Amino acid sequence: MKHYKTISEIHKGNGWAPPENPLFSINACNNACTLGNREFTSDAYMIGFKKLKSGIIRYGRTEYDHSEGSMMFVKPRQIIEIKDIEFEEKGFMILIHEDFLAGHELHHAIQKYGYFDYEVNEALHLSPKEETVIWELHDKVKAEYQNNPDEYSREIILSHIASILMYAQRFYKRQFLNRTDMSGKTVTRFNDALGAYYGQGYLQTKGLPSVNSIAEQLNVSSRYLSDLLRQETGKTAMDLIHISLISEAKNMLREGSQGVAEIAYGLGFENSSYFTRLFKKQTGMKPLEFKKMSLN
């Protein structure tokens, strides 16, 4: 698998002209902007917009959904596979070497955008108005990129990149609300997956359910799942797992036939102290206190 350490290597490998800046570039995408049929990684962030007529783009282990005008966000050292790509319309690809962000506030701010960890059917689909906003910012970045560099160039470019990322966050919020194939059904599917995990005895054989394991069952990335659930319920996937476990624990404590340690191990906890801390955090009392209150 090819790994590109520099922006120049990416340009050379794709037959593009050398970049204007060794740590940053912005490129128009037609059929030539595919990086060929290959798997690769790089030391760069990639922000792309494209409409696919055919072919696939895989990010991580799974296919990006590019059936509409969509954006993709790739962080350094993520595996990308591109195969038989044909675009319907123009697009663009912005490459930002991680060193270009060194010492800038965006170096830390970019970490908060969870969509760099999205995988399955999770590309950002833009409405026509949203496309206009992104293209306007693209044009501003491109104009500065092609201008003679000075002491303000990097700051101006990164300010526009920060705007693209912030707008993308807003547009994803809209997508969570509007895409009825996922939004509105996620909590039900999540609870069903948890119920199946309990019913198959995995608490005893595999331990506590993880966000990753539930996300895999639902065919989404763990970051996307948590963002969807937070949009619908105000709580993360881990919050909901804890709530579910404590609900099970309450039922078992009310029955009164098992001790706290037995219940803890039965629910997949490695030790009863962690179970006790989580129970008190969720309910405001220790398991034994809850048990005595329930039995009385």
C-alpha atoms as a PDB file:
ATOM      1  CA  MET A   1       0.000   0.000   0.000  1.00  0.00           C
ATOM      2  CA  LYS A   2       1.344   3.423  -0.963  1.00  0.00           C
ATOM      3  CA  HIS A   3       1.904   6.018   1.741  1.00  0.00           C
ATOM      4  CA  TYR A   4       2.354   9.655   0.751  1.00  0.00           C
ATOM      5  CA  LYS A   5       4.449  11.631   3.207  1.00  0.00           C
ATOM      6  CA  THR A   6       4.158  14.961   1.384  1.00  0.00           C
ATOM      7  CA  ILE A   7       1.639  16.921  -0.685  1.00  0.00           C
ATOM      8  CA  SER A   8       4.191  16.932  -3.508  1.00  0.00           C
ATOM      9  CA  GLU A   9       4.221  13.116  -3.549  1.00  0.00           C
ATOM     10  CA  ILE A  10       0.430  13.050  -3.879  1.00  0.00           C
ATOM     11  CA  HIS A  11       0.587  15.501  -6.785  1.00  0.00           C
ATOM     12  CA  LYS A  12       3.376  13.602  -8.510  1.00  0.00           C
ATOM     13  CA  GLY A  13       1.619  10.262  -8.038  1.00  0.00           C
ATOM     14  CA  ASN A  14      -1.496  11.643  -9.688  1.00  0.00           C
ATOM     15  CA  GLY A  15       0.219  13.494 -12.499  1.00  0.00           C
ATOM     16  CA  TRP A  16      -0.691  16.957 -11.229  1.00  0.00           C
ATOM     17  CA  ALA A  17       1.437  20.071 -11.402  1.00  0.00           C
ATOM     18  CA  PRO A  18       3.580  20.669  -8.298  1.00  0.00           C
ATOM     19  CA  PRO A  19       1.681  22.357  -5.469  1.00  0.00           C
ATOM     20  CA  GLU A  20       2.015  26.114  -4.892  1.00  0.00           C
ATOM     21  CA  ASN A  21       2.678  25.346  -1.217  1.00  0.00           C
ATOM     22  CA  PRO A  22       4.532  22.194  -0.067  1.00  0.00           C
ATOM     23  CA  LEU A  23       2.103  21.754   2.847  1.00  0.00           C
ATOM     24  CA  PHE A  24      -1.195  22.756   1.237  1.00  0.00           C
ATOM     25  CA  SER A  25      -2.995  22.480  -2.108  1.00  0.00           C
ATOM     26  CA  ILE A  26      -6.415  22.871  -3.660  1.00  0.00           C
ATOM     27  CA  ASN A  27      -7.225  20.964  -6.820  1.00  0.00           C
ATOM     28  CA  ALA A  28     -10.075  20.850  -9.326  1.00  0.00           C
ATOM     29  CA  CYS A  29     -11.514  17.342  -9.661  1.00  0.00           C
ATOM     30  CA  ASN A  30     -12.626  15.781 -12.889  1.00  0.00           C
ATOM     31  CA  ASN A  31     -11.817  12.231 -13.970  1.00  0.00           C
ATOM     32  CA  ALA A  32      -8.152  13.079 -13.469  1.00  0.00           C
ATOM     33  CA  CYS A  33      -8.605  13.860  -9.780  1.00  0.00           C
ATOM     34  CA  THR A  34      -8.945  10.247  -8.644  1.00  0.00           C
ATOM     35  CA  LEU A  35      -5.463   9.331  -7.432  1.00  0.00           C
ATOM     36  CA  GLY A  36      -5.891   6.322  -9.718  1.00  0.00           C
ATOM     37  CA  ASN A  37      -7.184   2.860  -8.844  1.00  0.00           C
ATOM     38  CA  ARG A  38      -5.262   2.259  -5.650  1.00  0.00           C
ATOM     39  CA  GLU A  39      -5.167   1.982  -1.897  1.00  0.00           C
ATOM     40  CA  PHE A  40      -3.146   4.593  -0.101  1.00  0.00           C
ATOM     41  CA  THR A  41      -2.589   6.550   3.077  1.00  0.00           C
ATOM     42  CA  SER A  42      -1.051   9.980   3.596  1.00  0.00           C
ATOM     43  CA  ASP A  43       0.064  12.478   6.204  1.00  0.00           C
ATOM     44  CA  ALA A  44      -2.564  14.948   5.021  1.00  0.00           C
ATOM     45  CA  TYR A  45      -6.118  15.876   5.838  1.00  0.00           C
ATOM     46  CA  MET A  46      -8.321  15.623   2.748  1.00  0.00           C
ATOM     47  CA  ILE A  47     -11.518  17.563   2.175  1.00  0.00           C
ATOM     48  CA  GLY A  48     -13.303  16.637  -1.030  1.00  0.00           C
ATOM     49  CA  PHE A  49     -16.490  17.459  -2.887  1.00  0.00           C
ATOM     50  CA  LYS A  50     -17.720  15.331  -5.788  1.00  0.00           C
ATOM     51  CA  LYS A  51     -20.657  13.753  -7.539  1.00  0.00           C
ATOM     52  CA  LEU A  52     -19.981  10.212  -8.661  1.00  0.00           C
ATOM     53  CA  LYS A  53     -21.453   8.685 -11.794  1.00  0.00           C
ATOM     54  CA  SER A  54     -19.832   5.321 -11.122  1.00  0.00           C
ATOM     55  CA  GLY A  55     -17.071   3.697  -9.121  1.00  0.00           C
ATOM     56  CA  ILE A  56     -16.374   3.487  -5.400  1.00  0.00           C
ATOM     57  CA  ILE A  57     -14.458   5.339  -2.745  1.00  0.00           C
ATOM     58  CA  ARG A  58     -13.688   3.399   0.417  1.00  0.00           C
ATOM     59  CA  TYR A  59     -12.587   5.137   3.586  1.00  0.00           C
ATOM     60  CA  GLY A  60     -11.378   2.729   6.229  1.00  0.00           C
ATOM     61  CA  ARG A  61     -13.075  -0.614   5.586  1.00  0.00           C
ATOM     62  CA  THR A  62     -16.301   0.580   4.012  1.00  0.00           C
ATOM     63  CA  GLU A  63     -17.760   2.474   1.077  1.00  0.00           C
ATOM     64  CA  TYR A  64     -18.553   6.152   1.167  1.00  0.00           C
ATOM     65  CA  ASP A  65     -22.021   7.013  -0.107  1.00  0.00           C
ATOM     66  CA  HIS A  66     -21.404   9.425  -3.000  1.00  0.00           C
ATOM     67  CA  SER A  67     -24.675   8.930  -4.886  1.00  0.00           C
ATOM     68  CA  GLU A  68     -25.467  12.628  -4.501  1.00  0.00           C
ATOM     69  CA  GLY A  69     -23.287  15.718  -4.375  1.00  0.00           C
ATOM     70  CA  SER A  70     -21.307  14.952  -1.276  1.00  0.00           C
ATOM     71  CA  MET A  71     -18.297  15.842   0.786  1.00  0.00           C
ATOM     72  CA  MET A  72     -15.759  13.507   2.316  1.00  0.00           C
ATOM     73  CA  PHE A  73     -13.385  14.214   5.184  1.00  0.00           C
ATOM     74  CA  VAL A  74     -10.281  12.081   5.656  1.00  0.00           C
ATOM     75  CA  LYS A  75      -7.707  12.418   8.398  1.00  0.00           C
ATOM     76  CA  PRO A  76      -4.013  11.478   8.175  1.00  0.00           C
ATOM     77  CA  ARG A  77      -3.116   7.797   7.896  1.00  0.00           C
ATOM     78  CA  GLN A  78      -6.626   6.610   7.148  1.00  0.00           C
ATOM     79  CA  ILE A  79      -6.762   3.978   4.409  1.00  0.00           C
ATOM     80  CA  ILE A  80      -8.389   5.199   1.182  1.00  0.00           C
ATOM     81  CA  GLU A  81      -9.333   2.944  -1.734  1.00  0.00           C
ATOM     82  CA  ILE A  82     -10.426   4.422  -5.051  1.00  0.00           C
ATOM     83  CA  LYS A  83     -11.632   2.300  -7.951  1.00  0.00           C
ATOM     84  CA  ASP A  84     -13.168   2.969 -11.389  1.00  0.00           C
ATOM     85  CA  ILE A  85     -14.226   6.528 -10.541  1.00  0.00           C
ATOM     86  CA  GLU A  86     -16.215   8.614 -12.995  1.00  0.00           C
ATOM     87  CA  PHE A  87     -17.624  11.979 -11.944  1.00  0.00           C
ATOM     88  CA  GLU A  88     -20.882  13.543 -13.080  1.00  0.00           C
ATOM     89  CA  GLU A  89     -19.842  17.120 -12.373  1.00  0.00           C
ATOM     90  CA  LYS A  90     -16.827  19.088 -11.240  1.00  0.00           C
ATOM     91  CA  GLY A  91     -15.510  18.739  -7.733  1.00  0.00           C
ATOM     92  CA  PHE A  92     -12.477  19.663  -5.707  1.00  0.00           C
ATOM     93  CA  MET A  93      -9.911  18.188  -3.360  1.00  0.00           C
ATOM     94  CA  ILE A  94      -8.184  20.176  -0.628  1.00  0.00           C
ATOM     95  CA  LEU A  95      -5.019  18.655   0.849  1.00  0.00           C
ATOM     96  CA  ILE A  96      -3.724  19.946   4.184  1.00  0.00           C
ATOM     97  CA  HIS A  97      -0.529  18.421   5.516  1.00  0.00           C
ATOM     98  CA  GLU A  98      -0.753  18.077   9.277  1.00  0.00           C
ATOM     99  CA  ASP A  99       2.404  20.199   9.618  1.00  0.00           C
ATOM    100  CA  PHE A 100       0.541  23.108   7.977  1.00  0.00           C
ATOM    101  CA  LEU A 101      -1.636  23.246  11.102  1.00  0.00           C
ATOM    102  CA  ALA A 102       1.254  23.232  13.590  1.00  0.00           C
ATOM    103  CA  GLY A 103       0.986  26.113  16.042  1.00  0.00           C
ATOM    104  CA  HIS A 104      -2.428  27.200  14.759  1.00  0.00           C
ATOM    105  CA  GLU A 105      -5.654  26.904  16.761  1.00  0.00           C
ATOM    106  CA  LEU A 106      -7.128  24.750  13.986  1.00  0.00           C
ATOM    107  CA  HIS A 107      -4.603  22.045  14.910  1.00  0.00           C
ATOM    108  CA  HIS A 108      -6.701  21.376  18.024  1.00  0.00           C
ATOM    109  CA  ALA A 109     -10.077  22.539  16.715  1.00  0.00           C
ATOM    110  CA  ILE A 110     -10.079  20.067  13.830  1.00  0.00           C
ATOM    111  CA  GLN A 111     -10.075  17.216  16.363  1.00  0.00           C
ATOM    112  CA  LYS A 112     -13.595  18.110  17.537  1.00  0.00           C
ATOM    113  CA  TYR A 113     -15.157  17.446  14.144  1.00  0.00           C
ATOM    114  CA  GLY A 114     -16.313  13.866  14.464  1.00  0.00           C
ATOM    115  CA  TYR A 115     -17.060  13.460  10.764  1.00  0.00           C
ATOM    116  CA  PHE A 116     -13.363  12.778  10.149  1.00  0.00           C
ATOM    117  CA  ASP A 117     -14.122   9.416  11.819  1.00  0.00           C
ATOM    118  CA  TYR A 118     -17.286   8.599   9.864  1.00  0.00           C
ATOM    119  CA  GLU A 119     -17.267   5.547   7.633  1.00  0.00           C
ATOM    120  CA  VAL A 120     -20.359   3.815   6.302  1.00  0.00           C
ATOM    121  CA  ASN A 121     -22.859   5.727   4.153  1.00  0.00           C
ATOM    122  CA  GLU A 122     -21.905   8.811   6.080  1.00  0.00           C
ATOM    123  CA  ALA A 123     -20.660  11.308   3.506  1.00  0.00           C
ATOM    124  CA  LEU A 124     -22.171  14.780   3.793  1.00  0.00           C
ATOM    125  CA  HIS A 125     -24.888  15.285   1.180  1.00  0.00           C
ATOM    126  CA  LEU A 126     -25.342  18.924   0.260  1.00  0.00           C
ATOM    127  CA  SER A 127     -28.476  20.727  -0.807  1.00  0.00           C
ATOM    128  CA  PRO A 128     -28.089  23.195  -3.727  1.00  0.00           C
ATOM    129  CA  LYS A 129     -27.923  26.130  -1.294  1.00  0.00           C
ATOM    130  CA  GLU A 130     -25.333  24.333   0.810  1.00  0.00           C
ATOM    131  CA  GLU A 131     -23.279  23.587  -2.303  1.00  0.00           C
ATOM    132  CA  THR A 132     -23.256  27.304  -3.067  1.00  0.00           C
ATOM    133  CA  VAL A 133     -21.880  28.106   0.396  1.00  0.00           C
ATOM    134  CA  ILE A 134     -19.110  25.515   0.092  1.00  0.00           C
ATOM    135  CA  TRP A 135     -18.142  26.607  -3.423  1.00  0.00           C
ATOM    136  CA  GLU A 136     -17.932  30.244  -2.314  1.00  0.00           C
ATOM    137  CA  LEU A 137     -15.512  29.258   0.444  1.00  0.00           C
ATOM    138  CA  HIS A 138     -13.616  27.066  -2.018  1.00  0.00           C
ATOM    139  CA  ASP A 139     -13.184  30.044  -4.330  1.00  0.00           C
ATOM    140  CA  LYS A 140     -11.826  32.165  -1.469  1.00  0.00           C
ATOM    141  CA  VAL A 141      -9.315  29.477  -0.530  1.00  0.00           C
ATOM    142  CA  LYS A 142      -8.296  29.033  -4.166  1.00  0.00           C
ATOM    143  CA  ALA A 143      -7.814  32.779  -4.699  1.00  0.00           C
ATOM    144  CA  GLU A 144      -5.525  33.024  -1.678  1.00  0.00           C
ATOM    145  CA  TYR A 145      -3.678  29.832  -2.657  1.00  0.00           C
ATOM    146  CA  GLN A 146      -2.920  31.240  -6.100  1.00  0.00           C
ATOM    147  CA  ASN A 147      -1.951  34.657  -4.753  1.00  0.00           C
ATOM    148  CA  ASN A 148       1.646  35.578  -4.007  1.00  0.00           C
ATOM    149  CA  PRO A 149       2.261  34.275  -0.463  1.00  0.00           C
ATOM    150  CA  ASP A 150       2.953  36.681   2.363  1.00  0.00           C
ATOM    151  CA  GLU A 151       2.769  36.713   6.155  1.00  0.00           C
ATOM    152  CA  TYR A 152      -1.056  36.652   6.072  1.00  0.00           C
ATOM    153  CA  SER A 153      -1.549  33.832   3.533  1.00  0.00           C
ATOM    154  CA  ARG A 154      -1.592  30.862   5.922  1.00  0.00           C
ATOM    155  CA  GLU A 155      -3.875  32.580   8.413  1.00  0.00           C
ATOM    156  CA  ILE A 156      -6.366  33.561   5.709  1.00  0.00           C
ATOM    157  CA  ILE A 157      -6.380  30.106   4.126  1.00  0.00           C
ATOM    158  CA  LEU A 158      -6.890  28.365   7.466  1.00  0.00           C
ATOM    159  CA  SER A 159      -9.654  30.787   8.460  1.00  0.00           C
ATOM    160  CA  HIS A 160     -11.575  29.783   5.317  1.00  0.00           C
ATOM    161  CA  ILE A 161     -10.857  26.093   5.992  1.00  0.00           C
ATOM    162  CA  ALA A 162     -12.209  26.583   9.520  1.00  0.00           C
ATOM    163  CA  SER A 163     -15.382  28.038   8.005  1.00  0.00           C
ATOM    164  CA  ILE A 164     -15.768  25.039   5.683  1.00  0.00           C
ATOM    165  CA  LEU A 165     -15.469  22.683   8.665  1.00  0.00           C
ATOM    166  CA  MET A 166     -17.941  24.660  10.739  1.00  0.00           C
ATOM    167  CA  TYR A 167     -20.479  24.791   7.926  1.00  0.00           C
ATOM    168  CA  ALA A 168     -20.002  21.057   7.410  1.00  0.00           C
ATOM    169  CA  GLN A 169     -20.860  20.520  11.076  1.00  0.00           C
ATOM    170  CA  ARG A 170     -24.042  22.545  10.619  1.00  0.00           C
ATOM    171  CA  PHE A 171     -24.970  20.706   7.440  1.00  0.00           C
ATOM    172  CA  TYR A 172     -24.446  17.331   9.134  1.00  0.00           C
ATOM    173  CA  LYS A 173     -26.879  18.408  11.854  1.00  0.00           C
ATOM    174  CA  ARG A 174     -29.417  19.090   9.129  1.00  0.00           C
ATOM    175  CA  GLN A 175     -28.659  15.726   7.523  1.00  0.00           C
ATOM    176  CA  PHE A 176     -29.229  13.900  10.799  1.00  0.00           C
ATOM    177  CA  LEU A 177     -32.676  15.483  10.999  1.00  0.00           C
ATOM    178  CA  ASN A 178     -33.660  15.057   7.351  1.00  0.00           C
ATOM    179  CA  ARG A 179     -32.346  11.636   6.357  1.00  0.00           C
ATOM    180  CA  THR A 180     -35.252   9.533   7.582  1.00  0.00           C
ATOM    181  CA  ASP A 181     -33.550   6.272   6.649  1.00  0.00           C
ATOM    182  CA  MET A 182     -31.450   6.694   9.815  1.00  0.00           C
ATOM    183  CA  SER A 183     -32.541   9.637  11.942  1.00  0.00           C
ATOM    184  CA  GLY A 184     -35.539   8.962  14.167  1.00  0.00           C
ATOM    185  CA  LYS A 185     -35.035   5.212  14.076  1.00  0.00           C
ATOM    186  CA  THR A 186     -31.592   5.010  15.603  1.00  0.00           C
ATOM    187  CA  VAL A 187     -32.660   4.777  19.247  1.00  0.00           C
ATOM    188  CA  THR A 188     -35.006   1.873  18.507  1.00  0.00           C
ATOM    189  CA  ARG A 189     -32.355   0.025  16.521  1.00  0.00           C
ATOM    190  CA  PHE A 190     -29.773   0.757  19.197  1.00  0.00           C
ATOM    191  CA  ASN A 191     -32.015  -0.615  21.959  1.00  0.00           C
ATOM    192  CA  ASP A 192     -32.841  -3.669  19.847  1.00  0.00           C
ATOM    193  CA  ALA A 193     -29.120  -4.336  19.350  1.00  0.00           C
ATOM    194  CA  LEU A 194     -28.512  -4.012  23.085  1.00  0.00           C
ATOM    195  CA  GLY A 195     -31.408  -6.372  23.813  1.00  0.00           C
ATOM    196  CA  ALA A 196     -29.970  -8.925  21.406  1.00  0.00           C
ATOM    197  CA  TYR A 197     -26.564  -8.594  23.091  1.00  0.00           C
ATOM    198  CA  TYR A 198     -28.151  -9.367  26.457  1.00  0.00           C
ATOM    199  CA  GLY A 199     -30.360 -12.127  25.077  1.00  0.00           C
ATOM    200  CA  GLN A 200     -27.478 -13.983  23.455  1.00  0.00           C
ATOM    201  CA  GLY A 201     -25.613 -14.138  26.748  1.00  0.00           C
ATOM    202  CA  TYR A 202     -22.778 -11.892  25.592  1.00  0.00           C
ATOM    203  CA  LEU A 203     -22.631 -10.070  28.928  1.00  0.00           C
ATOM    204  CA  GLN A 204     -21.249 -13.244  30.462  1.00  0.00           C
ATOM    205  CA  THR A 205     -19.052 -14.327  27.549  1.00  0.00           C
ATOM    206  CA  LYS A 206     -17.859 -11.017  26.100  1.00  0.00           C
ATOM    207  CA  GLY A 207     -18.337  -8.589  28.965  1.00  0.00           C
ATOM    208  CA  LEU A 208     -19.805  -5.105  28.791  1.00  0.00           C
ATOM    209  CA  PRO A 209     -21.171  -4.021  25.411  1.00  0.00           C
ATOM    210  CA  SER A 210     -18.989  -1.453  23.667  1.00  0.00           C
ATOM    211  CA  VAL A 211     -20.050   1.365  21.383  1.00  0.00           C
ATOM    212  CA  ASN A 212     -17.948  -0.198  18.631  1.00  0.00           C
ATOM    213  CA  SER A 213     -19.697  -3.566  18.888  1.00  0.00           C
ATOM    214  CA  ILE A 214     -23.169  -1.999  18.704  1.00  0.00           C
ATOM    215  CA  ALA A 215     -22.110   0.309  15.870  1.00  0.00           C
ATOM    216  CA  GLU A 216     -20.860  -2.663  13.854  1.00  0.00           C
ATOM    217  CA  GLN A 217     -24.247  -4.358  14.226  1.00  0.00           C
ATOM    218  CA  LEU A 218     -25.965  -1.204  12.973  1.00  0.00           C
ATOM    219  CA  ASN A 219     -23.463  -0.816  10.113  1.00  0.00           C
ATOM    220  CA  VAL A 220     -22.304   2.672  11.127  1.00  0.00           C
ATOM    221  CA  SER A 221     -19.126   4.032  12.695  1.00  0.00           C
ATOM    222  CA  SER A 222     -19.117   4.513  16.450  1.00  0.00           C
ATOM    223  CA  ARG A 223     -18.608   8.278  16.103  1.00  0.00           C
ATOM    224  CA  TYR A 224     -21.542   8.617  13.686  1.00  0.00           C
ATOM    225  CA  LEU A 225     -23.751   6.501  15.950  1.00  0.00           C
ATOM    226  CA  SER A 226     -23.004   8.655  18.989  1.00  0.00           C
ATOM    227  CA  ASP A 227     -23.630  11.853  17.030  1.00  0.00           C
ATOM    228  CA  LEU A 228     -26.972  10.548  15.765  1.00  0.00           C
ATOM    229  CA  LEU A 229     -28.049   9.440  19.222  1.00  0.00           C
ATOM    230  CA  ARG A 230     -26.981  12.746  20.732  1.00  0.00           C
ATOM    231  CA  GLN A 231     -29.075  14.522  18.104  1.00  0.00           C
ATOM    232  CA  GLU A 232     -32.138  12.418  18.971  1.00  0.00           C
ATOM    233  CA  THR A 233     -31.782  11.998  22.732  1.00  0.00           C
ATOM    234  CA  GLY A 234     -29.145  14.427  23.985  1.00  0.00           C
ATOM    235  CA  LYS A 235     -27.091  11.444  25.155  1.00  0.00           C
ATOM    236  CA  THR A 236     -24.140   9.577  23.665  1.00  0.00           C
ATOM    237  CA  ALA A 237     -24.096   5.876  22.837  1.00  0.00           C
ATOM    238  CA  MET A 238     -22.045   5.179  25.960  1.00  0.00           C
ATOM    239  CA  ASP A 239     -24.522   7.136  28.090  1.00  0.00           C
ATOM    240  CA  LEU A 240     -27.351   4.966  26.764  1.00  0.00           C
ATOM    241  CA  ILE A 241     -25.396   1.757  27.341  1.00  0.00           C
ATOM    242  CA  HIS A 242     -24.850   2.776  30.965  1.00  0.00           C
ATOM    243  CA  ILE A 243     -28.513   3.686  31.417  1.00  0.00           C
ATOM    244  CA  SER A 244     -29.535   0.312  29.992  1.00  0.00           C
ATOM    245  CA  LEU A 245     -27.123  -1.610  32.232  1.00  0.00           C
ATOM    246  CA  ILE A 246     -28.271   0.200  35.360  1.00  0.00           C
ATOM    247  CA  SER A 247     -31.880  -0.438  34.398  1.00  0.00           C
ATOM    248  CA  GLU A 248     -31.083  -4.158  34.210  1.00  0.00           C
ATOM    249  CA  ALA A 249     -29.266  -3.912  37.539  1.00  0.00           C
ATOM    250  CA  LYS A 250     -32.274  -2.271  39.204  1.00  0.00           C
ATOM    251  CA  ASN A 251     -34.520  -5.122  38.114  1.00  0.00           C
ATOM    252  CA  MET A 252     -32.061  -7.697  39.456  1.00  0.00           C
ATOM    253  CA  LEU A 253     -31.673  -5.830  42.767  1.00  0.00           C
ATOM    254  CA  ARG A 254     -35.438  -5.607  43.198  1.00  0.00           C
ATOM    255  CA  GLU A 255     -35.688  -9.376  42.855  1.00  0.00           C
ATOM    256  CA  GLY A 256     -33.441  -9.631  45.913  1.00  0.00           C
ATOM    257  CA  SER A 257     -32.040 -13.097  45.202  1.00  0.00           C
ATOM    258  CA  GLN A 258     -28.536 -12.042  44.124  1.00  0.00           C
ATOM    259  CA  GLY A 259     -25.786 -10.094  45.849  1.00  0.00           C
ATOM    260  CA  VAL A 260     -24.193  -6.981  44.419  1.00  0.00           C
ATOM    261  CA  ALA A 261     -21.020  -8.750  43.267  1.00  0.00           C
ATOM    262  CA  GLU A 262     -23.026 -11.512  41.584  1.00  0.00           C
ATOM    263  CA  ILE A 263     -25.151  -8.969  39.750  1.00  0.00           C
ATOM    264  CA  ALA A 264     -22.061  -6.995  38.703  1.00  0.00           C
ATOM    265  CA  TYR A 265     -20.368 -10.034  37.176  1.00  0.00           C
ATOM    266  CA  GLY A 266     -23.617 -11.173  35.591  1.00  0.00           C
ATOM    267  CA  LEU A 267     -23.856  -7.833  33.792  1.00  0.00           C
ATOM    268  CA  GLY A 268     -20.330  -8.113  32.433  1.00  0.00           C
ATOM    269  CA  PHE A 269     -18.474  -5.890  34.899  1.00  0.00           C
ATOM    270  CA  GLU A 270     -14.962  -7.064  35.710  1.00  0.00           C
ATOM    271  CA  ASN A 271     -15.285  -5.947  39.311  1.00  0.00           C
ATOM    272  CA  SER A 272     -18.077  -4.866  41.613  1.00  0.00           C
ATOM    273  CA  SER A 273     -16.408  -1.573  42.590  1.00  0.00           C
ATOM    274  CA  TYR A 274     -16.714  -0.185  39.061  1.00  0.00           C
ATOM    275  CA  PHE A 275     -20.337  -1.348  38.979  1.00  0.00           C
ATOM    276  CA  THR A 276     -21.004   0.357  42.319  1.00  0.00           C
ATOM    277  CA  ARG A 277     -19.453   3.647  41.163  1.00  0.00           C
ATOM    278  CA  LEU A 278     -21.491   3.651  37.945  1.00  0.00           C
ATOM    279  CA  PHE A 279     -24.689   2.716  39.781  1.00  0.00           C
ATOM    280  CA  LYS A 280     -24.251   5.543  42.272  1.00  0.00           C
ATOM    281  CA  LYS A 281     -23.470   7.991  39.482  1.00  0.00           C
ATOM    282  CA  GLN A 282     -26.674   7.030  37.689  1.00  0.00           C
ATOM    283  CA  THR A 283     -29.022   6.734  40.683  1.00  0.00           C
ATOM    284  CA  GLY A 284     -27.475   8.759  43.501  1.00  0.00           C
ATOM    285  CA  MET A 285     -27.224   5.740  45.805  1.00  0.00           C
ATOM    286  CA  LYS A 286     -25.173   2.582  46.167  1.00  0.00           C
ATOM    287  CA  PRO A 287     -26.620  -0.754  44.961  1.00  0.00           C
ATOM    288  CA  LEU A 288     -27.135  -2.052  48.530  1.00  0.00           C
ATOM    289  CA  GLU A 289     -28.976   1.130  49.484  1.00  0.00           C
ATOM    290  CA  PHE A 290     -31.211   0.775  46.431  1.00  0.00           C
ATOM    291  CA  LYS A 291     -31.818  -2.896  47.221  1.00  0.00           C
ATOM    292  CA  LYS A 292     -32.830  -2.216  50.821  1.00  0.00           C
ATOM    293  CA  MET A 293     -35.125   0.611  49.755  1.00  0.00           C
ATOM    294  CA  SER A 294     -36.766  -1.559  47.110  1.00  0.00           C
ATOM    295  CA  LEU A 295     -37.270  -4.532  49.415  1.00  0.00           C
ATOM    296  CA  ASN A 296     -38.745  -2.333  52.118  1.00  0.00           C
END
